[in-house]
Protein backbone atom coordinates (compact mmCIF):
# COMPACT_ATOMS: atom_id res chain seq x y z
CA MET A 1 121.26 130.43 213.60
CA VAL A 2 120.57 131.09 209.49
CA GLY A 3 117.40 133.15 208.35
CA ALA A 4 114.54 134.25 210.53
CA ARG A 5 111.19 132.04 211.43
CA SER A 6 107.67 133.19 211.52
CA VAL A 7 105.79 132.41 214.46
CA PRO A 8 105.16 128.59 214.77
CA VAL A 9 101.79 127.47 216.07
CA VAL A 10 102.08 123.44 216.63
CA GLY A 11 100.21 120.67 218.41
CA LEU A 12 99.94 117.33 219.60
CA ALA A 13 99.16 115.99 216.49
CA ALA A 14 99.39 118.90 214.09
CA GLN A 15 102.11 119.51 211.55
CA GLY A 16 102.97 122.20 209.28
CA SER A 17 103.75 125.66 211.42
CA ALA A 18 107.35 125.61 210.15
CA GLY A 19 105.90 126.32 207.08
CA GLY A 20 104.57 129.63 208.20
CA GLU A 21 100.87 129.22 207.42
CA ARG A 22 98.12 131.15 209.09
CA THR A 23 98.40 131.17 212.63
CA THR A 24 95.76 129.00 214.50
CA ALA A 25 95.38 128.04 217.77
CA ARG A 26 93.24 126.05 219.89
CA ALA A 27 92.12 125.70 223.53
CA THR A 28 92.51 122.61 225.36
CA ARG A 29 90.43 121.43 228.39
CA THR A 30 89.73 124.93 229.51
CA ARG A 31 86.49 125.49 231.71
CA ALA A 32 84.71 128.63 231.38
CA GLY A 33 82.81 130.28 234.28
CA ARG A 34 85.55 129.92 237.15
CA ALA A 35 85.79 132.51 239.95
CA SER A 36 87.50 135.73 238.94
CA GLY A 37 91.07 136.07 239.86
CA THR A 38 91.83 132.02 239.19
CA VAL A 39 94.50 130.86 236.84
CA SER A 40 95.16 128.25 234.35
CA TRP A 41 98.30 126.22 233.21
CA TYR A 42 99.65 127.03 229.81
CA CYS A 43 101.80 124.30 228.34
CA TYR A 44 104.63 125.11 226.13
CA ALA A 45 106.21 121.92 225.32
CA VAL A 46 106.88 118.48 226.77
CA ALA A 47 110.26 117.21 228.26
CA GLU A 48 111.73 113.82 229.35
CA PHE A 49 111.89 113.93 232.97
CA ALA A 50 115.43 115.56 234.52
CA ALA A 51 116.07 116.00 238.35
CA ASP A 52 117.40 119.33 237.34
CA ASN A 53 114.96 121.70 236.40
CA PRO A 54 115.38 122.78 232.69
CA VAL A 55 113.62 125.77 232.54
CA CYS A 56 114.91 127.27 235.75
CA GLY A 57 114.85 130.93 235.51
CA LEU A 58 112.84 130.96 232.29
CA ALA A 59 110.16 133.57 231.92
CA GLY A 60 107.12 132.53 229.96
CA LEU A 61 103.44 134.71 229.18
CA ARG A 62 103.10 138.00 231.31
CA GLY A 63 106.49 137.29 232.43
CA SER A 64 105.22 134.63 234.55
CA PRO A 65 107.80 131.68 235.65
CA VAL A 66 107.93 128.67 233.63
CA SER A 67 107.63 125.75 235.94
CA ALA A 68 108.52 121.78 234.89
CA VAL A 69 105.09 119.98 235.94
CA SER A 70 106.05 116.40 235.97
CA GLY A 71 104.35 112.99 235.81
CA THR A 72 105.04 109.55 234.25
CA GLY A 73 108.35 110.09 233.63
CA LEU A 74 107.76 113.23 231.57
CA THR A 75 107.69 117.11 232.10
CA ALA A 76 105.56 119.76 230.93
CA LEU A 77 106.82 123.04 230.77
CA ALA A 78 103.89 125.36 232.04
CA SER A 79 103.13 128.51 233.41
CA PRO A 80 99.93 129.95 235.20
CA VAL A 81 98.03 132.44 233.17
CA PRO A 82 95.15 134.24 234.36
CA ASP A 83 91.48 132.89 233.50
CA GLU A 84 90.23 136.40 232.40
CA GLU A 85 92.46 136.57 229.60
CA PHE A 86 92.99 132.77 228.79
CA SER A 87 89.44 130.94 229.67
CA GLU A 88 87.87 129.46 226.74
CA SER A 89 85.33 132.45 226.59
CA ALA A 90 88.05 134.88 226.70
CA LEU A 91 90.39 132.96 224.02
CA GLN A 92 87.06 132.79 221.70
CA GLU A 93 87.41 136.51 221.62
CA ASN A 94 91.38 137.23 222.09
CA LEU A 95 91.90 134.83 219.29
CA GLU A 96 90.42 137.05 216.98
CA ASN A 97 92.72 139.87 218.16
CA LEU A 98 95.80 139.86 215.61
CA PRO A 99 98.26 142.06 217.87
CA TRP A 100 97.01 139.80 220.76
CA LEU A 101 97.51 136.52 219.00
CA GLU A 102 100.92 137.61 217.55
CA GLU A 103 102.03 138.44 220.71
CA ILE A 104 100.99 135.64 222.58
CA ALA A 105 102.74 133.36 219.74
CA ARG A 106 105.96 135.01 219.85
CA ALA A 107 105.99 134.45 223.77
CA HIS A 108 105.24 130.75 223.37
CA ASN A 109 107.85 130.64 220.72
CA ALA A 110 110.74 132.42 222.87
CA VAL A 111 109.95 129.92 225.47
CA VAL A 112 110.15 126.84 223.36
CA ALA A 113 113.20 128.16 221.70
CA GLU A 114 114.92 128.81 224.79
CA ALA A 115 113.93 125.22 226.36
CA SER A 116 115.24 123.43 223.38
CA ARG A 117 118.76 125.25 223.76
CA ARG A 118 118.86 123.21 227.08
CA THR A 119 117.15 119.84 226.57
CA CYS A 120 115.14 118.07 223.90
CA VAL A 121 111.59 119.21 223.68
CA LEU A 122 108.43 118.74 221.84
CA PRO A 123 106.68 121.84 221.15
CA LEU A 124 102.90 122.03 221.81
CA ARG A 125 100.21 123.72 220.15
CA MET A 126 99.82 127.14 221.08
CA ALA A 127 97.03 128.28 223.41
CA THR A 128 97.16 124.18 225.03
CA ILE A 129 95.62 125.19 228.51
CA TYR A 130 94.85 123.17 231.60
CA ARG A 131 92.73 124.39 234.30
CA ASP A 132 95.21 123.07 236.83
CA GLU A 133 98.42 121.01 237.30
CA ASP A 134 96.64 117.64 237.91
CA ARG A 135 94.81 118.25 234.49
CA VAL A 136 98.44 118.73 232.89
CA ARG A 137 99.67 115.34 234.78
CA GLU A 138 96.91 113.57 233.32
CA MET A 139 97.58 114.97 229.57
CA LEU A 140 101.10 113.52 230.21
CA ALA A 141 100.09 110.18 231.37
CA GLU A 142 97.40 110.12 228.32
CA HIS A 143 100.08 110.44 225.80
CA SER A 144 103.18 109.06 227.69
CA ALA A 145 104.01 106.46 225.33
CA GLN A 146 103.38 108.76 222.24
CA PHE A 147 105.42 111.57 223.72
CA SER A 148 108.25 109.16 224.75
CA ALA A 149 108.37 107.94 221.62
CA ALA A 150 108.44 111.25 219.72
CA LEU A 151 111.24 112.39 222.25
CA ARG A 152 113.62 109.44 221.22
CA ARG A 153 112.99 110.37 217.62
CA VAL A 154 114.11 113.65 217.80
CA ARG A 155 116.79 113.80 220.17
CA ASP A 156 119.74 115.17 219.11
CA HIS A 157 118.07 116.34 216.25
CA ALA A 158 117.04 119.99 214.38
CA GLU A 159 114.62 121.03 212.43
CA TRP A 160 115.71 123.06 209.41
CA GLY A 161 113.20 125.10 207.03
CA VAL A 162 114.21 124.84 203.23
CA LYS A 163 112.23 126.92 200.58
CA VAL A 164 112.93 127.13 197.00
CA PHE A 165 111.76 130.06 195.00
CA ALA A 166 111.64 130.27 191.16
CA SER A 167 111.22 133.47 189.10
CA LEU A 168 109.02 131.76 186.16
CA SER A 169 108.35 135.12 184.12
CA PRO A 170 110.67 135.92 181.73
CA ARG A 171 112.29 139.33 181.45
CA GLU A 172 109.95 140.62 178.59
CA GLU A 173 111.89 143.15 176.35
CA ALA A 174 109.87 145.62 174.84
CA PRO A 175 109.66 144.74 171.03
CA ALA A 176 110.77 147.22 168.54
CA GLU A 177 107.63 147.31 166.95
CA SER A 178 104.12 146.28 168.16
CA PRO A 179 102.51 143.11 166.56
CA ALA A 180 101.21 144.05 163.26
CA ASP A 181 98.19 142.05 163.49
CA GLY A 182 96.21 139.79 165.77
CA ARG A 183 97.52 136.44 164.55
CA SER A 184 101.18 138.09 165.18
CA TYR A 185 100.08 138.78 168.73
CA LEU A 186 98.65 135.44 169.27
CA ARG A 187 102.10 134.06 168.11
CA GLN A 188 103.95 136.26 170.59
CA ARG A 189 101.84 135.38 173.49
CA LEU A 190 102.06 131.83 172.67
CA ARG A 191 105.95 131.93 172.54
CA GLN A 192 106.00 133.71 176.08
CA ARG A 193 103.60 131.12 177.51
CA GLN A 194 105.66 128.41 176.04
CA THR A 195 108.91 130.00 177.55
CA ARG A 196 106.99 129.90 181.28
CA ASP A 197 106.14 126.56 180.92
CA ALA A 198 109.59 125.66 180.24
CA ARG A 199 110.88 127.44 183.28
CA THR A 200 108.24 126.18 185.25
CA ASN A 201 109.20 122.54 184.43
CA GLU A 202 112.80 123.28 184.72
CA ALA A 203 112.26 125.08 188.14
CA VAL A 204 109.71 121.91 189.46
CA GLU A 205 112.74 119.59 188.19
CA VAL A 206 115.26 121.38 190.39
CA ALA A 207 113.03 121.14 193.58
CA GLU A 208 112.36 117.59 193.26
CA ARG A 209 116.17 117.21 192.67
CA ILE A 210 116.77 119.30 195.87
CA GLU A 211 114.48 117.39 198.03
CA ARG A 212 115.67 113.99 197.10
CA GLU A 213 119.26 115.01 197.87
CA LEU A 214 118.07 116.42 201.10
CA ALA A 215 116.25 113.29 201.97
CA GLN A 216 119.63 111.55 202.11
CA LEU A 217 121.00 113.87 204.58
CA SER A 218 117.92 114.02 206.86
CA ALA A 219 116.54 111.52 209.34
CA ASP A 220 112.80 112.54 208.16
CA ILE A 221 111.76 114.97 206.01
CA HIS A 222 108.11 116.81 205.60
CA ARG A 223 106.67 119.20 202.78
CA HIS A 224 104.78 121.96 203.82
CA ARG A 225 102.12 123.70 201.91
CA VAL A 226 104.02 126.25 199.48
CA GLN A 227 103.24 129.99 200.57
CA ASP A 228 101.69 132.72 198.64
CA PRO A 229 103.39 135.72 197.86
CA ALA A 230 101.51 137.78 200.09
CA LEU A 231 102.82 135.78 203.13
CA THR A 232 106.43 135.62 201.84
CA GLY A 233 106.40 139.25 200.48
CA ARG A 234 108.45 138.45 197.41
CA ALA A 235 107.47 138.78 193.75
CA ASP A 236 109.04 134.97 192.91
CA ARG A 237 107.31 131.73 193.62
CA ASN A 238 107.74 129.38 196.14
CA ILE A 239 107.63 125.88 194.54
CA LEU A 240 109.02 124.20 197.52
CA ASN A 241 108.86 124.13 201.37
CA LEU A 242 110.63 121.65 203.25
CA ALA A 243 111.05 120.87 207.02
CA CYS A 244 113.83 118.80 207.47
CA LEU A 245 115.00 116.55 210.70
CA VAL A 246 118.99 116.61 210.74
CA PRO A 247 121.22 114.96 213.11
CA ASP A 248 123.43 117.18 214.94
CA THR A 249 125.98 114.90 213.91
CA GLY A 250 125.46 115.41 210.31
CA ARG A 251 124.49 118.92 210.47
CA ASP A 252 127.73 120.44 208.73
CA ARG A 253 127.20 118.01 205.40
CA PHE A 254 123.71 119.02 205.29
CA LEU A 255 124.72 122.66 205.44
CA SER A 256 127.48 122.02 203.20
CA GLN A 257 125.14 120.54 200.65
CA LEU A 258 122.71 123.40 200.92
CA ALA A 259 125.48 125.83 200.37
CA GLU A 260 126.33 124.17 197.27
CA LEU A 261 122.35 124.00 195.89
CA ARG A 262 122.30 127.87 196.90
CA HIS A 263 124.86 128.69 194.38
CA SER A 264 123.96 126.56 191.76
CA ASP A 265 124.20 128.00 188.40
CA VAL A 266 120.27 127.43 187.54
CA ALA A 267 119.03 130.60 186.62
CA GLY A 268 115.96 132.13 188.40
CA ILE A 269 116.46 129.56 191.41
CA GLU A 270 117.09 130.90 195.05
CA VAL A 271 117.18 128.43 198.06
CA GLU A 272 116.38 129.97 201.36
CA VAL A 273 117.53 128.21 204.50
CA THR A 274 116.53 128.90 208.35
CA GLY A 275 117.18 126.92 211.17
CA PRO A 276 118.11 125.17 213.65
CA TRP A 277 114.79 124.96 215.40
CA ALA A 278 112.96 122.90 217.79
CA PRO A 279 111.08 119.98 216.15
CA TYR A 280 107.96 121.85 215.42
CA SER A 281 107.04 119.93 212.26
CA PHE A 282 107.86 116.54 213.83
CA ALA A 283 106.26 116.80 217.08
CA GLY A 284 102.88 115.33 216.21
CA ILE A 285 101.52 112.33 217.87
CA SER A 286 98.92 110.38 216.97
């Protein structure tokens, strides 16, 4: 594994988690007002049906065992969760509780990550919840053709995250003396802006070249929204945020190309690589 991944949240038709954007969640087909002590089914991912249970011994939310709920040639990886915490009304409150949300997101991610090491999976959106196993099977039947097509597309592939950062502000050396007048000051500021603009243009050209080269080595590529410094925790600017779907057979070549890019002699450019991940950015269905 290269690098670290921010907690992803994806869905049946959603893309963008790999980018590490603001965590969001949605409750799916959950009914409020059920009797106290009842449970619903929390779904983590969808896989092709297999006679041997791909999640045997895997623990999910609150330590509950992950089960394989199968139907229509597919399997939903799911576990029972208490309605007191995961009903629609409870979720509306809990999703505003950041520590709770982070805990659930990390548990969700852990299940998907372990399951993806055992079989090909399509991650589902965090807080995809159904009131019983029959409703889970109905979901599988409703989307069976799309799920099957998506599974064929990502089988024997992994997602890799690639971010390009650029230091766009030139290192300003203190002048020997302050500008003599306002005109000199304006000329100095103009030179600084021109230098910054030139560095920005150079960085954009480098990022575009990196994207073109990686696209040739990827089965699919998705450009996520670039991240704000408040999210990355870095002073330099994120100018490219990619998710690359890379065939397992092309992994070494992909990483070799990335190694060359990371050690390029372009000043102020840094390439960050994370992965391999389950195909969060390529699990969407329409």
